[in-house]
Amino acid sequence: MELGIKGRKVAILATDGVEQVELVEPRKALDAAGAVTHLIAPKDGSIQGMNHDEKGDMLPVDRPLAQAHAGDYDALLLPGGVKNPDTLRTIPEAVQFVREFMLSEKPVAAICHGPWMLVEADAVSGRTLTSWPSLKTDIANAGGRWVDQAVVVDDQLVTSRKPEDIPAFSATIVREFGNRLYQASVDETSEQSFPASDPPSSPTSIGGTGAARSP
């Protein structure tokens, strides 16, 4: 739904070793729908994209992670590639960046090895998702339910398995991001018109440091 996504800011968190097609193609779909996308990385300059085992393009970074804040964005995209999330999950600031999106119930999409970041952010317990098959045990050990499907939508979370799923993944994130952001804007307008007696919980008070779904 372009109505919900047009003009909205979507963060794409990645670093060297990212599977290029898993970043570039969903980003094209989001841009075409009117979103404003920013590639965020732990370093400034550019990151190395990969086409499986071969080097791809150098992808320009829009904003270094140190200058990025989850509160400035409406949604998050986590592309895969083995090295990319394996590096990011060792960086506390990157893990916290992902955690804040999940805690705030903002739309998040992850493909292939990207869900490793969700595991590290303690955000898969009680959720159903998919990924590259080698992450199945990691997801199960973290309390999630892994399924072998091209695209899985679980509340604000959209996941896919591999590059071959990208057409369905891209179409789904545009639709789901748009729907959720549109609904969020409706809810915000309603709240401003009829404010609740108590303020909403802040991200730090929802599940402590983790972002798992409550049972």
Protein backbone atom coordinates (compact mmCIF):
# COMPACT_ATOMS: atom_id res chain seq x y z
CA MET A 1 0.00 0.00 0.00
CA GLU A 2 1.86 3.07 -1.22
CA LEU A 3 -0.38 5.23 0.95
CA GLY A 4 1.32 3.86 4.05
CA ILE A 5 4.90 3.64 2.82
CA LYS A 6 5.30 6.75 0.67
CA GLY A 7 7.76 9.12 2.27
CA ARG A 8 8.53 6.75 5.14
CA LYS A 9 12.15 6.13 6.09
CA VAL A 10 13.44 2.57 5.93
CA ALA A 11 16.82 1.64 7.39
CA ILE A 12 18.86 -1.10 5.70
CA LEU A 13 21.49 -2.47 8.08
CA ALA A 14 24.43 -4.23 6.42
CA THR A 15 28.20 -4.48 6.22
CA ASP A 16 30.92 -6.10 4.10
CA GLY A 17 29.88 -9.48 2.77
CA VAL A 18 26.23 -8.65 2.26
CA GLU A 19 24.51 -10.69 -0.46
CA GLN A 20 24.13 -7.88 -2.97
CA VAL A 21 20.88 -8.97 -4.59
CA GLU A 22 19.19 -9.33 -1.17
CA LEU A 23 19.92 -5.67 -0.49
CA VAL A 24 19.55 -4.11 -3.92
CA GLU A 25 16.35 -5.74 -5.15
CA PRO A 26 14.15 -5.21 -2.03
CA ARG A 27 15.53 -1.67 -1.84
CA LYS A 28 14.44 -1.04 -5.43
CA ALA A 29 10.94 -2.22 -4.57
CA LEU A 30 10.78 0.03 -1.51
CA ASP A 31 12.12 3.02 -3.44
CA ALA A 32 9.61 2.41 -6.24
CA ALA A 33 6.81 2.42 -3.67
CA GLY A 34 7.92 5.86 -2.46
CA ALA A 35 9.93 4.93 0.62
CA VAL A 36 13.14 6.74 1.55
CA THR A 37 15.85 4.11 2.10
CA HIS A 38 19.19 4.55 3.87
CA LEU A 39 22.00 2.02 3.89
CA ILE A 40 23.47 2.01 7.38
CA ALA A 41 26.77 0.30 8.15
CA PRO A 42 29.30 0.19 10.99
CA LYS A 43 31.70 2.22 8.85
CA ASP A 44 31.42 5.21 6.56
CA GLY A 45 32.16 5.14 2.83
CA SER A 46 31.04 1.90 1.21
CA ILE A 47 30.62 -1.82 1.88
CA GLN A 48 31.51 -4.83 -0.25
CA GLY A 49 28.57 -6.57 -1.86
CA MET A 50 28.83 -10.25 -2.76
CA ASN A 51 27.32 -12.39 -5.50
CA HIS A 52 27.46 -15.68 -3.62
CA ASP A 53 31.23 -16.35 -3.35
CA GLU A 54 32.36 -13.64 -5.75
CA LYS A 55 32.81 -9.95 -5.05
CA GLY A 56 30.09 -7.70 -6.38
CA ASP A 57 29.78 -3.92 -6.24
CA MET A 58 30.94 -1.51 -3.58
CA LEU A 59 27.70 -0.16 -2.13
CA PRO A 60 27.73 3.43 -0.82
CA VAL A 61 26.79 3.91 2.82
CA ASP A 62 24.23 6.62 3.52
CA ARG A 63 24.86 6.87 7.23
CA PRO A 64 27.33 5.24 9.63
CA LEU A 65 25.77 3.27 12.46
CA ALA A 66 27.24 5.63 15.06
CA GLN A 67 25.10 8.44 13.63
CA ALA A 68 21.94 6.39 13.07
CA HIS A 69 19.05 6.13 15.51
CA ALA A 70 16.22 3.63 15.29
CA GLY A 71 13.80 6.35 16.32
CA ASP A 72 14.54 8.21 13.08
CA TYR A 73 13.24 5.33 10.95
CA ASP A 74 9.88 3.70 10.38
CA ALA A 75 11.00 0.23 9.31
CA LEU A 76 14.09 -1.98 8.98
CA LEU A 77 15.46 -4.32 6.29
CA LEU A 78 18.07 -6.97 7.14
CA PRO A 79 19.66 -8.56 4.04
CA GLY A 80 21.72 -11.72 4.27
CA GLY A 81 25.02 -13.11 3.09
CA VAL A 82 26.93 -15.24 5.60
CA LYS A 83 29.65 -12.75 6.56
CA ASN A 84 27.33 -9.74 6.79
CA PRO A 85 25.10 -10.70 9.76
CA ASP A 86 27.84 -12.82 11.32
CA THR A 87 29.91 -9.64 11.60
CA LEU A 88 27.03 -7.40 12.64
CA ARG A 89 25.93 -9.68 15.48
CA THR A 90 29.33 -9.13 17.14
CA ILE A 91 28.71 -5.36 17.24
CA PRO A 92 26.57 -4.41 20.27
CA GLU A 93 25.37 -1.18 18.65
CA ALA A 94 24.10 -3.08 15.61
CA VAL A 95 22.28 -5.62 17.77
CA GLN A 96 20.71 -2.85 19.83
CA PHE A 97 19.64 -1.05 16.64
CA VAL A 98 17.68 -4.15 15.58
CA ARG A 99 16.32 -4.72 19.09
CA GLU A 100 14.87 -1.21 19.24
CA PHE A 101 12.85 -1.76 16.06
CA MET A 102 11.42 -4.98 17.45
CA LEU A 103 10.67 -3.47 20.84
CA SER A 104 8.92 -0.54 19.20
CA GLU A 105 6.87 -2.95 17.05
CA LYS A 106 8.04 -1.30 13.86
CA PRO A 107 8.02 -3.37 10.65
CA VAL A 108 11.15 -5.49 10.17
CA ALA A 109 12.10 -7.72 7.22
CA ALA A 110 14.98 -10.21 7.12
CA ILE A 111 16.10 -12.65 4.44
CA CYS A 112 18.50 -15.59 4.23
CA HIS A 113 21.10 -15.24 7.03
CA GLY A 114 19.61 -11.88 8.11
CA PRO A 115 17.52 -13.49 10.90
CA TRP A 116 20.77 -14.15 12.77
CA MET A 117 20.42 -10.54 13.90
CA LEU A 118 16.95 -11.30 15.28
CA VAL A 119 18.35 -14.23 17.24
CA GLU A 120 21.13 -12.06 18.64
CA ALA A 121 18.61 -9.36 19.56
CA ASP A 122 16.58 -11.94 21.53
CA ALA A 123 13.62 -11.27 19.24
CA VAL A 124 12.52 -14.67 17.92
CA SER A 125 11.06 -16.41 20.96
CA GLY A 126 7.37 -17.12 20.36
CA ARG A 127 7.57 -16.12 16.70
CA THR A 128 7.26 -18.09 13.47
CA LEU A 129 9.83 -17.28 10.81
CA THR A 130 12.00 -18.66 8.06
CA SER A 131 15.61 -18.18 6.95
CA TRP A 132 18.43 -19.93 5.16
CA PRO A 133 18.03 -23.56 6.34
CA SER A 134 21.30 -23.59 8.31
CA LEU A 135 19.77 -21.13 10.81
CA LYS A 136 16.93 -23.52 11.68
CA THR A 137 18.59 -24.85 14.84
CA ASP A 138 19.69 -21.38 15.99
CA ILE A 139 16.12 -20.12 15.65
CA ALA A 140 14.67 -23.14 17.44
CA ASN A 141 17.21 -22.82 20.27
CA ALA A 142 16.22 -19.16 20.62
CA GLY A 143 12.57 -20.16 21.07
CA GLY A 144 11.31 -19.48 17.56
CA ARG A 145 9.40 -21.76 15.19
CA TRP A 146 11.17 -22.28 11.86
CA VAL A 147 9.14 -23.10 8.75
CA ASP A 148 10.22 -23.83 5.19
CA GLN A 149 8.22 -21.24 3.25
CA ALA A 150 9.16 -18.60 0.69
CA VAL A 151 7.76 -15.78 2.84
CA VAL A 152 6.50 -15.76 6.41
CA VAL A 153 4.62 -12.87 8.01
CA ASP A 154 4.41 -12.88 11.80
CA ASP A 155 2.97 -9.65 13.16
CA GLN A 156 5.46 -6.90 12.19
CA LEU A 157 8.11 -9.39 11.04
CA VAL A 158 8.58 -10.56 7.42
CA THR A 159 11.17 -13.27 6.65
CA SER A 160 12.33 -15.20 3.59
CA ARG A 161 14.81 -18.01 2.89
CA LYS A 162 17.06 -17.19 -0.07
CA PRO A 163 17.65 -15.07 -3.19
CA GLU A 164 15.11 -17.07 -5.18
CA ASP A 165 12.43 -15.80 -2.78
CA ILE A 166 13.23 -12.14 -3.45
CA PRO A 167 10.30 -11.36 -5.80
CA ALA A 168 7.78 -12.62 -3.22
CA PHE A 169 9.80 -11.09 -0.35
CA SER A 170 9.94 -7.66 -1.98
CA ALA A 171 6.23 -7.61 -2.81
CA THR A 172 5.37 -8.71 0.72
CA ILE A 173 7.50 -6.12 2.51
CA VAL A 174 6.06 -3.30 0.40
CA ARG A 175 2.53 -4.50 1.22
CA GLU A 176 3.10 -5.31 4.89
CA PHE A 177 5.23 -2.26 5.64
CA GLY A 178 2.64 -0.08 3.95
CA ASN A 179 -0.27 -1.66 5.79
CA ARG A 180 1.40 -1.47 9.21
CA LEU A 181 2.67 2.07 8.77
CA TYR A 182 -0.71 3.24 7.54
CA GLN A 183 -2.41 1.61 10.53
CA ALA A 184 0.16 3.14 12.88
CA SER A 185 -0.59 6.59 11.51
CA VAL A 186 -4.33 6.00 11.98
CA ASP A 187 -3.75 4.84 15.55
CA GLU A 188 -1.54 7.86 16.25
CA THR A 189 -4.20 10.22 14.94
CA SER A 190 -6.81 8.49 17.07
CA GLU A 191 -4.59 8.68 20.14
CA GLN A 192 -4.06 12.40 19.60
CA SER A 193 -7.80 12.91 19.33
CA PHE A 194 -8.63 10.68 22.29
CA PRO A 195 -5.49 10.48 24.47
CA ALA A 196 -5.19 7.57 26.87
CA SER A 197 -4.98 8.23 30.57
CA ASP A 198 -1.61 6.50 30.77
CA PRO A 199 1.33 7.06 28.38
CA PRO A 200 2.49 4.09 26.28
CA SER A 201 5.37 1.98 27.55
CA SER A 202 8.81 2.98 26.39
CA PRO A 203 10.96 0.47 24.47
CA THR A 204 13.25 -0.03 27.46
CA SER A 205 10.33 -1.18 29.60
CA ILE A 206 8.99 -3.76 27.14
CA GLY A 207 10.77 -7.02 27.85
CA GLY A 208 13.93 -5.45 29.29
CA THR A 209 16.93 -5.91 27.01
CA GLY A 210 15.24 -8.51 24.81
CA ALA A 211 12.52 -8.25 22.20
CA ALA A 212 10.93 -11.68 22.38
CA ARG A 213 7.20 -12.02 22.21
CA SER A 214 5.50 -12.53 25.56
CA PRO A 215 3.91 -15.97 25.93
